[in-house]
Amino acid sequence: MRKVLVIILAVVTLTLSGCVHNQSVAPSEVKERTSAGTVINDDFSTESAEKVSTPDSSAFTEIGYIRSEETLIVTFRNTGYLYAYYGVPASVWNKFRSADSKGSFFNSDIKGNYQCEKIE
């Protein structure tokens, strides 16, 4: 029963993150994957990211953007997990950052539209 709950939690987390799996990552580059297959990248750095704390969001504790890499980063409030979404244009970042409901914007404009990976 416990295994089933762990699997369900992994699927729910992946569903909430809206990841499109990146199958082009070479196995030698992958440190670890979640049980749902999402890449976990221990070498990812958010140091150059423009970060925004989101205390009023029920979905995220923090969001950020690395302009030079067009990478959106989000930290989910419910799990504390950090995900990176690749190929996100600056225009989408600007709309996301200023959205009244970041969760709604994420679900409609980001989730499922960009490749992503679990960072931590």
N, C-alpha and C. Protein backbone atom coordinates (compact mmCIF):
# COMPACT_ATOMS: atom_id res chain seq x y z
N MET A 1 0.83 -1.19 0.00
CA MET A 1 0.00 0.00 0.00
C MET A 1 0.87 1.26 0.00
N ARG A 2 1.95 1.23 0.79
CA ARG A 2 2.83 2.38 0.87
C ARG A 2 3.49 2.69 -0.48
N LYS A 3 3.89 1.62 -1.20
CA LYS A 3 4.49 1.80 -2.52
C LYS A 3 3.51 2.48 -3.47
N VAL A 4 2.26 2.09 -3.39
CA VAL A 4 1.23 2.68 -4.25
C VAL A 4 1.09 4.17 -3.95
N LEU A 5 1.09 4.54 -2.70
CA LEU A 5 0.98 5.95 -2.32
C LEU A 5 2.17 6.75 -2.80
N VAL A 6 3.36 6.18 -2.72
CA VAL A 6 4.57 6.86 -3.19
C VAL A 6 4.50 7.07 -4.69
N ILE A 7 4.04 6.08 -5.41
CA ILE A 7 3.91 6.20 -6.86
C ILE A 7 2.86 7.24 -7.22
N ILE A 8 1.75 7.22 -6.52
CA ILE A 8 0.70 8.22 -6.77
C ILE A 8 1.24 9.62 -6.50
N LEU A 9 1.96 9.82 -5.42
CA LEU A 9 2.53 11.12 -5.10
C LEU A 9 3.50 11.56 -6.19
N ALA A 10 4.32 10.66 -6.70
CA ALA A 10 5.26 10.99 -7.77
C ALA A 10 4.53 11.42 -9.03
N VAL A 11 3.45 10.73 -9.37
CA VAL A 11 2.67 11.07 -10.56
C VAL A 11 1.99 12.42 -10.38
N VAL A 12 1.44 12.67 -9.22
CA VAL A 12 0.79 13.95 -8.94
C VAL A 12 1.80 15.08 -9.02
N THR A 13 2.97 14.90 -8.44
CA THR A 13 4.01 15.93 -8.49
C THR A 13 4.41 16.22 -9.93
N LEU A 14 4.60 15.18 -10.72
CA LEU A 14 4.96 15.36 -12.12
C LEU A 14 3.84 16.06 -12.86
N THR A 15 2.60 15.69 -12.59
CA THR A 15 1.46 16.32 -13.24
C THR A 15 1.38 17.79 -12.88
N LEU A 16 1.62 18.12 -11.61
CA LEU A 16 1.58 19.51 -11.17
C LEU A 16 2.69 20.32 -11.82
N SER A 17 3.83 19.70 -12.04
CA SER A 17 4.95 20.42 -12.62
C SER A 17 4.76 20.66 -14.10
N GLY A 18 3.97 19.82 -14.76
CA GLY A 18 3.70 19.98 -16.18
C GLY A 18 4.90 19.70 -17.06
N CYS A 19 5.79 18.83 -16.65
CA CYS A 19 7.00 18.57 -17.41
C CYS A 19 6.72 17.82 -18.69
N VAL A 20 7.43 18.22 -19.73
CA VAL A 20 7.50 17.47 -20.96
C VAL A 20 8.88 16.84 -20.91
N HIS A 21 8.96 15.52 -20.85
CA HIS A 21 10.25 14.87 -20.64
C HIS A 21 11.21 15.14 -21.77
N ASN A 22 12.45 15.42 -21.41
CA ASN A 22 13.51 15.63 -22.38
C ASN A 22 14.20 14.30 -22.61
N GLN A 23 13.87 13.64 -23.70
CA GLN A 23 14.44 12.34 -23.99
C GLN A 23 15.80 12.44 -24.65
N SER A 24 16.25 13.65 -25.00
CA SER A 24 17.51 13.80 -25.71
C SER A 24 18.71 13.91 -24.77
N VAL A 25 18.52 13.85 -23.49
CA VAL A 25 19.62 13.94 -22.54
C VAL A 25 20.38 12.63 -22.54
N ALA A 26 21.68 12.70 -22.77
CA ALA A 26 22.51 11.50 -22.79
C ALA A 26 22.56 10.88 -21.40
N PRO A 27 22.49 9.54 -21.28
CA PRO A 27 22.50 8.89 -19.98
C PRO A 27 23.70 9.27 -19.12
N SER A 28 24.86 9.53 -19.74
CA SER A 28 26.04 9.89 -18.97
C SER A 28 25.90 11.26 -18.31
N GLU A 29 25.01 12.10 -18.83
CA GLU A 29 24.81 13.44 -18.28
C GLU A 29 23.79 13.45 -17.15
N VAL A 30 23.02 12.40 -17.02
CA VAL A 30 21.95 12.36 -16.05
C VAL A 30 22.46 11.82 -14.72
N LYS A 31 22.26 12.59 -13.67
CA LYS A 31 22.69 12.17 -12.34
C LYS A 31 21.68 11.19 -11.75
N GLU A 32 20.41 11.53 -11.85
CA GLU A 32 19.37 10.74 -11.21
C GLU A 32 18.03 11.12 -11.83
N ARG A 33 17.08 10.19 -11.78
CA ARG A 33 15.72 10.48 -12.24
C ARG A 33 14.75 10.16 -11.11
N THR A 34 13.63 10.87 -11.10
CA THR A 34 12.57 10.54 -10.16
C THR A 34 11.92 9.25 -10.61
N SER A 35 11.06 8.68 -9.78
CA SER A 35 10.36 7.46 -10.16
C SER A 35 9.44 7.69 -11.36
N ALA A 36 9.08 8.95 -11.61
CA ALA A 36 8.24 9.27 -12.76
C ALA A 36 9.07 9.54 -14.01
N GLY A 37 10.42 9.48 -13.89
CA GLY A 37 11.29 9.65 -15.04
C GLY A 37 11.82 11.05 -15.25
N THR A 38 11.45 12.00 -14.39
CA THR A 38 11.94 13.37 -14.54
C THR A 38 13.41 13.44 -14.14
N VAL A 39 14.18 14.12 -14.95
CA VAL A 39 15.61 14.26 -14.69
C VAL A 39 15.84 15.12 -13.45
N ILE A 40 16.78 14.70 -12.61
CA ILE A 40 17.22 15.50 -11.47
C ILE A 40 18.65 15.93 -11.77
N ASN A 41 18.90 17.21 -11.88
CA ASN A 41 20.20 17.72 -12.28
C ASN A 41 20.88 18.39 -11.10
N ASP A 42 21.86 17.70 -10.50
CA ASP A 42 22.56 18.24 -9.34
C ASP A 42 23.49 19.40 -9.70
N ASP A 43 23.86 19.53 -10.97
CA ASP A 43 24.81 20.55 -11.39
C ASP A 43 24.14 21.86 -11.80
N PHE A 44 22.83 21.90 -11.81
CA PHE A 44 22.10 23.10 -12.24
C PHE A 44 22.37 24.24 -11.28
N SER A 45 22.59 25.44 -11.81
CA SER A 45 22.85 26.60 -10.96
C SER A 45 21.81 27.68 -11.21
N THR A 46 21.25 28.20 -10.14
CA THR A 46 20.29 29.30 -10.25
C THR A 46 20.95 30.63 -9.87
N GLU A 47 22.27 30.60 -9.78
CA GLU A 47 23.03 31.78 -9.34
C GLU A 47 22.75 33.02 -10.18
N SER A 48 22.64 32.86 -11.50
CA SER A 48 22.44 34.02 -12.38
C SER A 48 20.96 34.35 -12.61
N ALA A 49 20.09 33.66 -11.91
CA ALA A 49 18.65 33.87 -12.12
C ALA A 49 18.15 35.13 -11.45
N GLU A 50 17.24 35.78 -12.13
CA GLU A 50 16.47 36.88 -11.54
C GLU A 50 15.36 36.19 -10.76
N LYS A 51 15.37 36.33 -9.43
CA LYS A 51 14.42 35.60 -8.59
C LYS A 51 13.39 36.54 -7.98
N VAL A 52 12.18 36.03 -7.86
CA VAL A 52 11.08 36.79 -7.28
C VAL A 52 10.41 35.93 -6.22
N SER A 53 10.37 36.40 -4.99
CA SER A 53 9.66 35.71 -3.92
C SER A 53 8.16 35.89 -4.16
N THR A 54 7.39 34.83 -3.92
CA THR A 54 5.95 34.89 -4.19
C THR A 54 5.16 34.48 -2.95
N PRO A 55 5.21 35.29 -1.90
CA PRO A 55 4.53 34.92 -0.65
C PRO A 55 3.01 34.83 -0.77
N ASP A 56 2.43 35.52 -1.74
CA ASP A 56 0.98 35.51 -1.90
C ASP A 56 0.48 34.38 -2.81
N SER A 57 1.40 33.65 -3.41
CA SER A 57 1.02 32.56 -4.30
C SER A 57 0.77 31.28 -3.51
N SER A 58 -0.33 30.61 -3.82
CA SER A 58 -0.57 29.32 -3.17
C SER A 58 0.15 28.20 -3.90
N ALA A 59 0.68 28.49 -5.09
CA ALA A 59 1.36 27.46 -5.89
C ALA A 59 2.87 27.48 -5.75
N PHE A 60 3.48 28.67 -5.62
CA PHE A 60 4.93 28.80 -5.66
C PHE A 60 5.46 29.61 -4.48
N THR A 61 6.64 29.23 -4.01
CA THR A 61 7.31 30.05 -2.99
C THR A 61 8.25 31.05 -3.65
N GLU A 62 8.77 30.66 -4.84
CA GLU A 62 9.69 31.54 -5.56
C GLU A 62 9.66 31.17 -7.03
N ILE A 63 9.81 32.19 -7.88
CA ILE A 63 9.96 31.97 -9.31
C ILE A 63 11.19 32.73 -9.76
N GLY A 64 11.75 32.33 -10.88
CA GLY A 64 12.94 33.02 -11.37
C GLY A 64 13.13 32.77 -12.85
N TYR A 65 14.10 33.51 -13.41
CA TYR A 65 14.35 33.42 -14.84
C TYR A 65 15.82 33.67 -15.11
N ILE A 66 16.41 32.81 -15.93
CA ILE A 66 17.79 32.98 -16.37
C ILE A 66 17.71 33.43 -17.83
N ARG A 67 17.86 34.73 -18.04
CA ARG A 67 17.66 35.32 -19.37
C ARG A 67 18.61 34.74 -20.42
N SER A 68 19.86 34.57 -20.07
CA SER A 68 20.85 34.10 -21.04
C SER A 68 20.55 32.69 -21.54
N GLU A 69 19.77 31.93 -20.78
CA GLU A 69 19.45 30.55 -21.15
C GLU A 69 17.97 30.35 -21.44
N GLU A 70 17.18 31.42 -21.33
CA GLU A 70 15.72 31.34 -21.48
C GLU A 70 15.15 30.20 -20.63
N THR A 71 15.57 30.20 -19.37
CA THR A 71 15.15 29.14 -18.45
C THR A 71 14.35 29.72 -17.30
N LEU A 72 13.15 29.23 -17.16
CA LEU A 72 12.27 29.62 -16.06
C LEU A 72 12.48 28.63 -14.92
N ILE A 73 12.56 29.12 -13.70
CA ILE A 73 12.67 28.23 -12.55
C ILE A 73 11.53 28.52 -11.59
N VAL A 74 10.95 27.47 -11.04
CA VAL A 74 9.86 27.63 -10.08
C VAL A 74 10.10 26.69 -8.91
N THR A 75 9.75 27.16 -7.73
CA THR A 75 9.77 26.32 -6.53
C THR A 75 8.33 26.15 -6.08
N PHE A 76 7.87 24.89 -6.12
CA PHE A 76 6.49 24.61 -5.76
C PHE A 76 6.29 24.66 -4.25
N ARG A 77 5.26 25.36 -3.83
CA ARG A 77 4.98 25.52 -2.41
C ARG A 77 4.62 24.20 -1.74
N ASN A 78 3.85 23.35 -2.41
CA ASN A 78 3.36 22.12 -1.77
C ASN A 78 4.44 21.07 -1.55
N THR A 79 5.49 21.07 -2.40
CA THR A 79 6.54 20.05 -2.28
C THR A 79 7.91 20.62 -1.95
N GLY A 80 8.12 21.90 -2.25
CA GLY A 80 9.44 22.50 -2.10
C GLY A 80 10.37 22.17 -3.24
N TYR A 81 9.89 21.42 -4.24
CA TYR A 81 10.73 21.02 -5.37
C TYR A 81 10.97 22.19 -6.31
N LEU A 82 12.17 22.24 -6.85
CA LEU A 82 12.57 23.25 -7.82
C LEU A 82 12.59 22.61 -9.20
N TYR A 83 11.92 23.23 -10.16
CA TYR A 83 11.90 22.74 -11.53
C TYR A 83 12.41 23.84 -12.46
N ALA A 84 13.09 23.42 -13.52
CA ALA A 84 13.54 24.33 -14.57
C ALA A 84 12.76 24.04 -15.84
N TYR A 85 12.27 25.08 -16.49
CA TYR A 85 11.53 24.99 -17.75
C TYR A 85 12.37 25.69 -18.82
N TYR A 86 12.69 24.96 -19.89
CA TYR A 86 13.64 25.43 -20.89
C TYR A 86 12.96 26.01 -22.12
N GLY A 87 13.62 27.02 -22.71
CA GLY A 87 13.13 27.64 -23.94
C GLY A 87 11.96 28.58 -23.72
N VAL A 88 11.85 29.11 -22.51
CA VAL A 88 10.75 30.01 -22.18
C VAL A 88 11.16 31.44 -22.58
N PRO A 89 10.44 32.06 -23.50
CA PRO A 89 10.80 33.42 -23.93
C PRO A 89 10.65 34.43 -22.79
N ALA A 90 11.44 35.49 -22.88
CA ALA A 90 11.38 36.55 -21.87
C ALA A 90 9.98 37.15 -21.77
N SER A 91 9.26 37.19 -22.89
CA SER A 91 7.90 37.75 -22.86
C SER A 91 6.97 36.91 -21.97
N VAL A 92 7.15 35.59 -21.98
CA VAL A 92 6.35 34.71 -21.12
C VAL A 92 6.75 34.92 -19.66
N TRP A 93 8.06 35.04 -19.40
CA TRP A 93 8.54 35.32 -18.05
C TRP A 93 7.93 36.61 -17.52
N ASN A 94 7.93 37.66 -18.33
CA ASN A 94 7.39 38.96 -17.89
C ASN A 94 5.91 38.86 -17.56
N LYS A 95 5.15 38.13 -18.36
CA LYS A 95 3.72 37.95 -18.09
C LYS A 95 3.51 37.10 -16.83
N PHE A 96 4.30 36.05 -16.68
CA PHE A 96 4.20 35.18 -15.51
C PHE A 96 4.51 35.95 -14.24
N ARG A 97 5.59 36.70 -14.28
CA ARG A 97 6.02 37.47 -13.11
C ARG A 97 4.96 38.48 -12.67
N SER A 98 4.26 39.07 -13.62
CA SER A 98 3.28 40.10 -13.28
C SER A 98 1.84 39.58 -13.17
N ALA A 99 1.65 38.29 -13.39
CA ALA A 99 0.29 37.72 -13.34
C ALA A 99 -0.30 37.81 -11.94
N ASP A 100 -1.58 38.15 -11.86
CA ASP A 100 -2.27 38.19 -10.57
C ASP A 100 -2.31 36.81 -9.94
N SER A 101 -2.58 35.79 -10.75
CA SER A 101 -2.58 34.42 -10.28
C SER A 101 -1.48 33.66 -11.03
N LYS A 102 -0.37 33.48 -10.36
CA LYS A 102 0.75 32.79 -10.98
C LYS A 102 0.42 31.32 -11.26
N GLY A 103 -0.35 30.71 -10.38
CA GLY A 103 -0.75 29.32 -10.60
C GLY A 103 -1.60 29.17 -11.85
N SER A 104 -2.56 30.06 -12.04
CA SER A 104 -3.43 30.01 -13.23
C SER A 104 -2.62 30.26 -14.50
N PHE A 105 -1.74 31.25 -14.45
CA PHE A 105 -0.92 31.54 -15.63
C PHE A 105 -0.02 30.35 -15.94
N PHE A 106 0.59 29.77 -14.92
CA PHE A 106 1.46 28.61 -15.10
C PHE A 106 0.68 27.48 -15.76
N ASN A 107 -0.50 27.19 -15.26
CA ASN A 107 -1.31 26.09 -15.81
C ASN A 107 -1.73 26.33 -17.25
N SER A 108 -2.01 27.57 -17.61
CA SER A 108 -2.50 27.84 -18.96
C SER A 108 -1.40 28.10 -19.98
N ASP A 109 -0.26 28.66 -19.55
CA ASP A 109 0.74 29.11 -20.52
C ASP A 109 2.09 28.41 -20.43
N ILE A 110 2.37 27.73 -19.32
CA ILE A 110 3.69 27.13 -19.15
C ILE A 110 3.60 25.61 -19.04
N LYS A 111 2.79 25.13 -18.15
CA LYS A 111 2.66 23.69 -17.89
C LYS A 111 2.37 22.92 -19.18
N GLY A 112 3.22 21.94 -19.47
CA GLY A 112 3.03 21.11 -20.65
C GLY A 112 3.51 21.72 -21.95
N ASN A 113 3.96 22.98 -21.93
CA ASN A 113 4.38 23.65 -23.15
C ASN A 113 5.90 23.72 -23.33
N TYR A 114 6.65 23.41 -22.29
CA TYR A 114 8.10 23.52 -22.34
C TYR A 114 8.73 22.28 -21.71
N GLN A 115 9.91 21.90 -22.23
CA GLN A 115 10.64 20.81 -21.60
C GLN A 115 11.10 21.27 -20.23
N CYS A 116 11.11 20.35 -19.28
CA CYS A 116 11.54 20.73 -17.94
C CYS A 116 12.22 19.57 -17.26
N GLU A 117 12.85 19.89 -16.15
CA GLU A 117 13.45 18.87 -15.31
C GLU A 117 13.39 19.29 -13.86
N LYS A 118 13.34 18.30 -13.01
CA LYS A 118 13.37 18.53 -11.58
C LYS A 118 14.82 18.81 -11.21
N ILE A 119 15.04 19.90 -10.50
CA ILE A 119 16.40 20.27 -10.11
C ILE A 119 16.71 19.78 -8.72
N GLU A 120 15.82 19.99 -7.79
CA GLU A 120 16.03 19.52 -6.41
C GLU A 120 14.73 19.35 -5.71
